[in-house]
PDB file of N, CA and C in Angstrom:
ATOM      1  N   UNK A   1       2.823  -0.362  44.562  1.00  0.00           N
ATOM      2  CA  UNK A   1       2.858  -0.907  43.221  1.00  0.00           C
ATOM      3  C   UNK A   1       3.740   0.000  42.361  1.00  0.00           C
ATOM      4  N   UNK A   2       4.690  -0.575  41.669  1.00  0.00           N
ATOM      5  CA  UNK A   2       5.563   0.222  40.811  1.00  0.00           C
ATOM      6  C   UNK A   2       4.981   0.289  39.401  1.00  0.00           C
ATOM      7  N   UNK A   3       5.294   1.366  38.726  1.00  0.00           N
ATOM      8  CA  UNK A   3       4.822   1.520  37.357  1.00  0.00           C
ATOM      9  C   UNK A   3       5.940   1.169  36.390  1.00  0.00           C
ATOM     10  N   UNK A   4       5.558   0.711  35.242  1.00  0.00           N
ATOM     11  CA  UNK A   4       6.514   0.361  34.197  1.00  0.00           C
ATOM     12  C   UNK A   4       6.539   1.511  33.208  1.00  0.00           C
ATOM     13  N   UNK A   5       7.719   1.973  32.908  1.00  0.00           N
ATOM     14  CA  UNK A   5       7.882   3.066  31.951  1.00  0.00           C
ATOM     15  C   UNK A   5       7.883   2.481  30.536  1.00  0.00           C
ATOM     16  N   UNK A   6       6.854   2.792  29.776  1.00  0.00           N
ATOM     17  CA  UNK A   6       6.740   2.287  28.413  1.00  0.00           C
ATOM     18  C   UNK A   6       7.242   3.369  27.456  1.00  0.00           C
ATOM     19  N   UNK A   7       8.246   3.028  26.696  1.00  0.00           N
ATOM     20  CA  UNK A   7       8.805   3.936  25.707  1.00  0.00           C
ATOM     21  C   UNK A   7       8.181   3.633  24.345  1.00  0.00           C
ATOM     22  N   UNK A   8       7.936   4.662  23.562  1.00  0.00           N
ATOM     23  CA  UNK A   8       7.295   4.509  22.257  1.00  0.00           C
ATOM     24  C   UNK A   8       8.080   3.552  21.371  1.00  0.00           C
ATOM     25  N   UNK A   9       9.409   3.750  21.290  1.00  0.00           N
ATOM     26  CA  UNK A   9      10.236   2.886  20.436  1.00  0.00           C
ATOM     27  C   UNK A   9      10.123   1.423  20.859  1.00  0.00           C
ATOM     28  N   UNK A  10      10.122   1.170  22.153  1.00  0.00           N
ATOM     29  CA  UNK A  10      10.002  -0.212  22.630  1.00  0.00           C
ATOM     30  C   UNK A  10       8.641  -0.795  22.286  1.00  0.00           C
ATOM     31  N   UNK A  11       7.612   0.014  22.408  1.00  0.00           N
ATOM     32  CA  UNK A  11       6.257  -0.450  22.118  1.00  0.00           C
ATOM     33  C   UNK A  11       6.105  -0.845  20.644  1.00  0.00           C
ATOM     34  N   UNK A  12       6.540   0.029  19.735  1.00  0.00           N
ATOM     35  CA  UNK A  12       6.372  -0.303  18.313  1.00  0.00           C
ATOM     36  C   UNK A  12       7.302  -1.436  17.893  1.00  0.00           C
ATOM     37  N   UNK A  13       8.447  -1.538  18.543  1.00  0.00           N
ATOM     38  CA  UNK A  13       9.353  -2.652  18.257  1.00  0.00           C
ATOM     39  C   UNK A  13       8.732  -3.967  18.707  1.00  0.00           C
ATOM     40  N   UNK A  14       8.069  -3.955  19.862  1.00  0.00           N
ATOM     41  CA  UNK A  14       7.373  -5.152  20.332  1.00  0.00           C
ATOM     42  C   UNK A  14       6.246  -5.550  19.380  1.00  0.00           C
ATOM     43  N   UNK A  15       5.484  -4.563  18.908  1.00  0.00           N
ATOM     44  CA  UNK A  15       4.427  -4.852  17.938  1.00  0.00           C
ATOM     45  C   UNK A  15       5.022  -5.463  16.674  1.00  0.00           C
ATOM     46  N   UNK A  16       6.106  -4.871  16.190  1.00  0.00           N
ATOM     47  CA  UNK A  16       6.757  -5.371  14.971  1.00  0.00           C
ATOM     48  C   UNK A  16       7.265  -6.796  15.175  1.00  0.00           C
ATOM     49  N   UNK A  17       7.830  -7.056  16.333  1.00  0.00           N
ATOM     50  CA  UNK A  17       8.338  -8.395  16.629  1.00  0.00           C
ATOM     51  C   UNK A  17       7.208  -9.424  16.504  1.00  0.00           C
ATOM     52  N   UNK A  18       6.054  -9.080  17.034  1.00  0.00           N
ATOM     53  CA  UNK A  18       4.901  -9.980  16.920  1.00  0.00           C
ATOM     54  C   UNK A  18       4.505 -10.213  15.473  1.00  0.00           C
ATOM     55  N   UNK A  19       4.504  -9.150  14.674  1.00  0.00           N
ATOM     56  CA  UNK A  19       4.152  -9.284  13.258  1.00  0.00           C
ATOM     57  C   UNK A  19       5.163 -10.159  12.528  1.00  0.00           C
ATOM     58  N   UNK A  20       6.448  -9.974  12.811  1.00  0.00           N
ATOM     59  CA  UNK A  20       7.474 -10.778  12.153  1.00  0.00           C
ATOM     60  C   UNK A  20       7.382 -12.243  12.577  1.00  0.00           C
ATOM     61  N   UNK A  21       7.055 -12.479  13.846  1.00  0.00           N
ATOM     62  CA  UNK A  21       6.859 -13.857  14.306  1.00  0.00           C
ATOM     63  C   UNK A  21       5.708 -14.505  13.543  1.00  0.00           C
ATOM     64  N   UNK A  22       4.629 -13.768  13.369  1.00  0.00           N
ATOM     65  CA  UNK A  22       3.497 -14.299  12.618  1.00  0.00           C
ATOM     66  C   UNK A  22       3.886 -14.570  11.164  1.00  0.00           C
ATOM     67  N   UNK A  23       4.641 -13.654  10.573  1.00  0.00           N
ATOM     68  CA  UNK A  23       5.072 -13.841   9.182  1.00  0.00           C
ATOM     69  C   UNK A  23       5.947 -15.077   9.041  1.00  0.00           C
ATOM     70  N   UNK A  24       6.710 -15.401  10.066  1.00  0.00           N
ATOM     71  CA  UNK A  24       7.509 -16.631  10.039  1.00  0.00           C
ATOM     72  C   UNK A  24       6.613 -17.865  10.013  1.00  0.00           C
ATOM     73  N   UNK A  25       5.395 -17.730  10.522  1.00  0.00           N
ATOM     74  CA  UNK A  25       4.450 -18.848  10.535  1.00  0.00           C
ATOM     75  C   UNK A  25       3.774 -19.063   9.186  1.00  0.00           C
ATOM     76  N   UNK A  26       4.088 -18.219   8.203  1.00  0.00           N
ATOM     77  CA  UNK A  26       3.482 -18.396   6.878  1.00  0.00           C
ATOM     78  C   UNK A  26       4.224 -19.444   6.053  1.00  0.00           C
ATOM     79  N   UNK A  27       5.302 -19.987   6.593  1.00  0.00           N
ATOM     80  CA  UNK A  27       6.066 -21.023   5.895  1.00  0.00           C
ATOM     81  C   UNK A  27       5.499 -22.413   6.179  1.00  0.00           C
ATOM     82  N   UNK A  28       4.215 -22.487   6.313  1.00  0.00           N
ATOM     83  CA  UNK A  28       3.555 -23.752   6.623  1.00  0.00           C
ATOM     84  C   UNK A  28       2.699 -24.196   5.445  1.00  0.00           C
ATOM     85  N   UNK A  29       2.431 -25.472   5.385  1.00  0.00           N
ATOM     86  CA  UNK A  29       1.543 -26.006   4.354  1.00  0.00           C
ATOM     87  C   UNK A  29       0.085 -25.944   4.792  1.00  0.00           C
ATOM     88  N   UNK A  30      -0.129 -25.656   6.060  1.00  0.00           N
ATOM     89  CA  UNK A  30      -1.488 -25.563   6.601  1.00  0.00           C
ATOM     90  C   UNK A  30      -2.092 -24.224   6.193  1.00  0.00           C
ATOM     91  N   UNK A  31      -3.024 -24.273   5.280  1.00  0.00           N
ATOM     92  CA  UNK A  31      -3.647 -23.053   4.722  1.00  0.00           C
ATOM     93  C   UNK A  31      -4.325 -22.226   5.801  1.00  0.00           C
ATOM     94  N   UNK A  32      -4.978 -22.870   6.746  1.00  0.00           N
ATOM     95  CA  UNK A  32      -5.668 -22.150   7.821  1.00  0.00           C
ATOM     96  C   UNK A  32      -4.676 -21.392   8.683  1.00  0.00           C
ATOM     97  N   UNK A  33      -3.595 -22.044   9.052  1.00  0.00           N
ATOM     98  CA  UNK A  33      -2.570 -21.397   9.878  1.00  0.00           C
ATOM     99  C   UNK A  33      -1.897 -20.250   9.123  1.00  0.00           C
ATOM    100  N   UNK A  34      -1.659 -20.463   7.844  1.00  0.00           N
ATOM    101  CA  UNK A  34      -1.036 -19.425   7.022  1.00  0.00           C
ATOM    102  C   UNK A  34      -1.952 -18.203   6.920  1.00  0.00           C
ATOM    103  N   UNK A  35      -3.227 -18.422   6.697  1.00  0.00           N
ATOM    104  CA  UNK A  35      -4.189 -17.317   6.596  1.00  0.00           C
ATOM    105  C   UNK A  35      -4.288 -16.562   7.915  1.00  0.00           C
ATOM    106  N   UNK A  36      -4.279 -17.294   9.023  1.00  0.00           N
ATOM    107  CA  UNK A  36      -4.341 -16.666  10.340  1.00  0.00           C
ATOM    108  C   UNK A  36      -3.100 -15.813  10.593  1.00  0.00           C
ATOM    109  N   UNK A  37      -1.933 -16.321  10.229  1.00  0.00           N
ATOM    110  CA  UNK A  37      -0.685 -15.588  10.424  1.00  0.00           C
ATOM    111  C   UNK A  37      -0.669 -14.304   9.599  1.00  0.00           C
ATOM    112  N   UNK A  38      -1.142 -14.385   8.372  1.00  0.00           N
ATOM    113  CA  UNK A  38      -1.191 -13.200   7.505  1.00  0.00           C
ATOM    114  C   UNK A  38      -2.194 -12.184   8.058  1.00  0.00           C
ATOM    115  N   UNK A  39      -3.339 -12.662   8.513  1.00  0.00           N
ATOM    116  CA  UNK A  39      -4.356 -11.764   9.073  1.00  0.00           C
ATOM    117  C   UNK A  39      -3.833 -11.041  10.311  1.00  0.00           C
ATOM    118  N   UNK A  40      -3.152 -11.765  11.184  1.00  0.00           N
ATOM    119  CA  UNK A  40      -2.610 -11.140  12.393  1.00  0.00           C
ATOM    120  C   UNK A  40      -1.519 -10.123  12.052  1.00  0.00           C
ATOM    121  N   UNK A  41      -0.694 -10.442  11.075  1.00  0.00           N
ATOM    122  CA  UNK A  41       0.343  -9.500  10.640  1.00  0.00           C
ATOM    123  C   UNK A  41      -0.282  -8.251  10.036  1.00  0.00           C
ATOM    124  N   UNK A  42      -1.319  -8.438   9.238  1.00  0.00           N
ATOM    125  CA  UNK A  42      -2.031  -7.293   8.655  1.00  0.00           C
ATOM    126  C   UNK A  42      -2.677  -6.430   9.734  1.00  0.00           C
ATOM    127  N   UNK A  43      -3.222  -7.068  10.758  1.00  0.00           N
ATOM    128  CA  UNK A  43      -3.823  -6.324  11.855  1.00  0.00           C
ATOM    129  C   UNK A  43      -2.764  -5.460  12.555  1.00  0.00           C
ATOM    130  N   UNK A  44      -1.620  -6.059  12.851  1.00  0.00           N
ATOM    131  CA  UNK A  44      -0.544  -5.313  13.507  1.00  0.00           C
ATOM    132  C   UNK A  44      -0.071  -4.173  12.619  1.00  0.00           C
ATOM    133  N   UNK A  45       0.032  -4.409  11.329  1.00  0.00           N
ATOM    134  CA  UNK A  45       0.404  -3.348  10.394  1.00  0.00           C
ATOM    135  C   UNK A  45      -0.618  -2.215  10.462  1.00  0.00           C
ATOM    136  N   UNK A  46      -1.879  -2.553  10.543  1.00  0.00           N
ATOM    137  CA  UNK A  46      -2.919  -1.545  10.672  1.00  0.00           C
ATOM    138  C   UNK A  46      -2.782  -0.733  11.950  1.00  0.00           C
ATOM    139  N   UNK A  47      -2.451  -1.397  13.039  1.00  0.00           N
ATOM    140  CA  UNK A  47      -2.246  -0.690  14.319  1.00  0.00           C
ATOM    141  C   UNK A  47      -1.073   0.275  14.198  1.00  0.00           C
ATOM    142  N   UNK A  48       0.005  -0.174  13.589  1.00  0.00           N
ATOM    143  CA  UNK A  48       1.183   0.691  13.422  1.00  0.00           C
ATOM    144  C   UNK A  48       0.864   1.891  12.534  1.00  0.00           C
ATOM    145  N   UNK A  49       0.111   1.673  11.477  1.00  0.00           N
ATOM    146  CA  UNK A  49      -0.292   2.782  10.604  1.00  0.00           C
ATOM    147  C   UNK A  49      -1.206   3.755  11.347  1.00  0.00           C
ATOM    148  N   UNK A  50      -2.083   3.227  12.170  1.00  0.00           N
ATOM    149  CA  UNK A  50      -2.959   4.080  12.964  1.00  0.00           C
ATOM    150  C   UNK A  50      -2.140   4.925  13.930  1.00  0.00           C
ATOM    151  N   UNK A  51      -1.160   4.303  14.575  1.00  0.00           N
ATOM    152  CA  UNK A  51      -0.288   5.042  15.488  1.00  0.00           C
ATOM    153  C   UNK A  51       0.459   6.153  14.750  1.00  0.00           C
ATOM    154  N   UNK A  52       0.916   5.845  13.542  1.00  0.00           N
ATOM    155  CA  UNK A  52       1.613   6.870  12.762  1.00  0.00           C
ATOM    156  C   UNK A  52       0.676   8.044  12.485  1.00  0.00           C
ATOM    157  N   UNK A  53      -0.548   7.759  12.117  1.00  0.00           N
ATOM    158  CA  UNK A  53      -1.509   8.819  11.841  1.00  0.00           C
ATOM    159  C   UNK A  53      -1.872   9.626  13.079  1.00  0.00           C
ATOM    160  N   UNK A  54      -2.004   8.959  14.208  1.00  0.00           N
ATOM    161  CA  UNK A  54      -2.414   9.623  15.443  1.00  0.00           C
ATOM    162  C   UNK A  54      -1.284  10.409  16.104  1.00  0.00           C
ATOM    163  N   UNK A  55      -0.038  10.124  15.724  1.00  0.00           N
ATOM    164  CA  UNK A  55       1.094  10.775  16.385  1.00  0.00           C
ATOM    165  C   UNK A  55       1.798  11.801  15.500  1.00  0.00           C
ATOM    166  N   UNK A  56       1.216  12.131  14.358  1.00  0.00           N
ATOM    167  CA  UNK A  56       1.834  13.110  13.452  1.00  0.00           C
ATOM    168  C   UNK A  56       2.131  14.403  14.215  1.00  0.00           C
ATOM    169  N   UNK A  57       3.357  14.850  14.128  1.00  0.00           N
ATOM    170  CA  UNK A  57       3.770  16.085  14.783  1.00  0.00           C
ATOM    171  C   UNK A  57       4.137  15.920  16.247  1.00  0.00           C
ATOM    172  N   UNK A  58       3.968  14.721  16.796  1.00  0.00           N
ATOM    173  CA  UNK A  58       4.248  14.501  18.217  1.00  0.00           C
ATOM    174  C   UNK A  58       5.431  13.573  18.477  1.00  0.00           C
ATOM    175  N   UNK A  59       6.022  13.045  17.425  1.00  0.00           N
ATOM    176  CA  UNK A  59       7.136  12.114  17.591  1.00  0.00           C
ATOM    177  C   UNK A  59       8.468  12.814  17.392  1.00  0.00           C
ATOM    178  N   UNK A  60       9.468  12.281  18.071  1.00  0.00           N
ATOM    179  CA  UNK A  60      10.837  12.704  17.790  1.00  0.00           C
ATOM    180  C   UNK A  60      11.185  12.135  16.415  1.00  0.00           C
ATOM    181  N   UNK A  61      12.133  12.749  15.762  1.00  0.00           N
ATOM    182  CA  UNK A  61      12.526  12.296  14.420  1.00  0.00           C
ATOM    183  C   UNK A  61      12.947  10.830  14.436  1.00  0.00           C
ATOM    184  N   UNK A  62      13.682  10.430  15.435  1.00  0.00           N
ATOM    185  CA  UNK A  62      14.141   9.041  15.559  1.00  0.00           C
ATOM    186  C   UNK A  62      12.941   8.090  15.676  1.00  0.00           C
ATOM    187  N   UNK A  63      11.936   8.465  16.435  1.00  0.00           N
ATOM    188  CA  UNK A  63      10.746   7.638  16.590  1.00  0.00           C
ATOM    189  C   UNK A  63       9.979   7.530  15.277  1.00  0.00           C
ATOM    190  N   UNK A  64       9.841   8.648  14.581  1.00  0.00           N
ATOM    191  CA  UNK A  64       9.128   8.665  13.300  1.00  0.00           C
ATOM    192  C   UNK A  64       9.838   7.791  12.283  1.00  0.00           C
ATOM    193  N   UNK A  65      11.159   7.909  12.224  1.00  0.00           N
ATOM    194  CA  UNK A  65      11.929   7.114  11.262  1.00  0.00           C
ATOM    195  C   UNK A  65      11.812   5.620  11.560  1.00  0.00           C
ATOM    196  N   UNK A  66      11.871   5.256  12.836  1.00  0.00           N
ATOM    197  CA  UNK A  66      11.745   3.848  13.211  1.00  0.00           C
ATOM    198  C   UNK A  66      10.368   3.322  12.833  1.00  0.00           C
ATOM    199  N   UNK A  67       9.342   4.078  13.147  1.00  0.00           N
ATOM    200  CA  UNK A  67       7.972   3.666  12.826  1.00  0.00           C
ATOM    201  C   UNK A  67       7.794   3.504  11.322  1.00  0.00           C
ATOM    202  N   UNK A  68       8.287   4.458  10.549  1.00  0.00           N
ATOM    203  CA  UNK A  68       8.199   4.373   9.088  1.00  0.00           C
ATOM    204  C   UNK A  68       8.935   3.145   8.554  1.00  0.00           C
ATOM    205  N   UNK A  69      10.122   2.886   9.102  1.00  0.00           N
ATOM    206  CA  UNK A  69      10.920   1.743   8.644  1.00  0.00           C
ATOM    207  C   UNK A  69      10.224   0.423   8.965  1.00  0.00           C
ATOM    208  N   UNK A  70       9.640   0.331  10.144  1.00  0.00           N
ATOM    209  CA  UNK A  70       8.932  -0.891  10.534  1.00  0.00           C
ATOM    210  C   UNK A  70       7.724  -1.118   9.639  1.00  0.00           C
ATOM    211  N   UNK A  71       6.955  -0.064   9.399  1.00  0.00           N
ATOM    212  CA  UNK A  71       5.776  -0.167   8.530  1.00  0.00           C
ATOM    213  C   UNK A  71       6.194  -0.612   7.141  1.00  0.00           C
ATOM    214  N   UNK A  72       7.253  -0.026   6.629  1.00  0.00           N
ATOM    215  CA  UNK A  72       7.726  -0.386   5.287  1.00  0.00           C
ATOM    216  C   UNK A  72       8.152  -1.843   5.227  1.00  0.00           C
ATOM    217  N   UNK A  73       8.897  -2.302   6.227  1.00  0.00           N
ATOM    218  CA  UNK A  73       9.405  -3.664   6.206  1.00  0.00           C
ATOM    219  C   UNK A  73       8.268  -4.692   6.309  1.00  0.00           C
ATOM    220  N   UNK A  74       7.315  -4.446   7.192  1.00  0.00           N
ATOM    221  CA  UNK A  74       6.189  -5.380   7.303  1.00  0.00           C
ATOM    222  C   UNK A  74       5.363  -5.365   6.012  1.00  0.00           C
ATOM    223  N   UNK A  75       5.137  -4.177   5.460  1.00  0.00           N
ATOM    224  CA  UNK A  75       4.367  -4.074   4.207  1.00  0.00           C
ATOM    225  C   UNK A  75       5.030  -4.849   3.090  1.00  0.00           C
ATOM    226  N   UNK A  76       6.357  -4.743   2.988  1.00  0.00           N
ATOM    227  CA  UNK A  76       7.075  -5.464   1.936  1.00  0.00           C
ATOM    228  C   UNK A  76       6.977  -6.967   2.123  1.00  0.00           C
ATOM    229  N   UNK A  77       7.031  -7.418   3.358  1.00  0.00           N
ATOM    230  CA  UNK A  77       6.953  -8.865   3.626  1.00  0.00           C
ATOM    231  C   UNK A  77       5.554  -9.413   3.339  1.00  0.00           C
ATOM    232  N   UNK A  78       4.552  -8.558   3.493  1.00  0.00           N
ATOM    233  CA  UNK A  78       3.173  -8.983   3.214  1.00  0.00           C
ATOM    234  C   UNK A  78       2.816  -8.888   1.732  1.00  0.00           C
ATOM    235  N   UNK A  79       3.614  -8.161   0.974  1.00  0.00           N
ATOM    236  CA  UNK A  79       3.304  -7.955  -0.460  1.00  0.00           C
ATOM    237  C   UNK A  79       3.503  -9.233  -1.262  1.00  0.00           C
TER     238      UNK A  79
END
């Protein structure tokens, strides 16, 4: 069995992609679907913030900057 090498940048980018996909689903007239999309995006934002808190001092500068930028962009879209 081969192992898959998971890189931090790829992982947080994948999480962000999911959040952005959900945010695209907020352009609906269906209130239930819109609320679900916002909730899922907020959850992903929470996971990213948790990762930032848990990895303080352990990230490369490039990783930290990417994580900060993703958090900022999702936060702005949810505001």
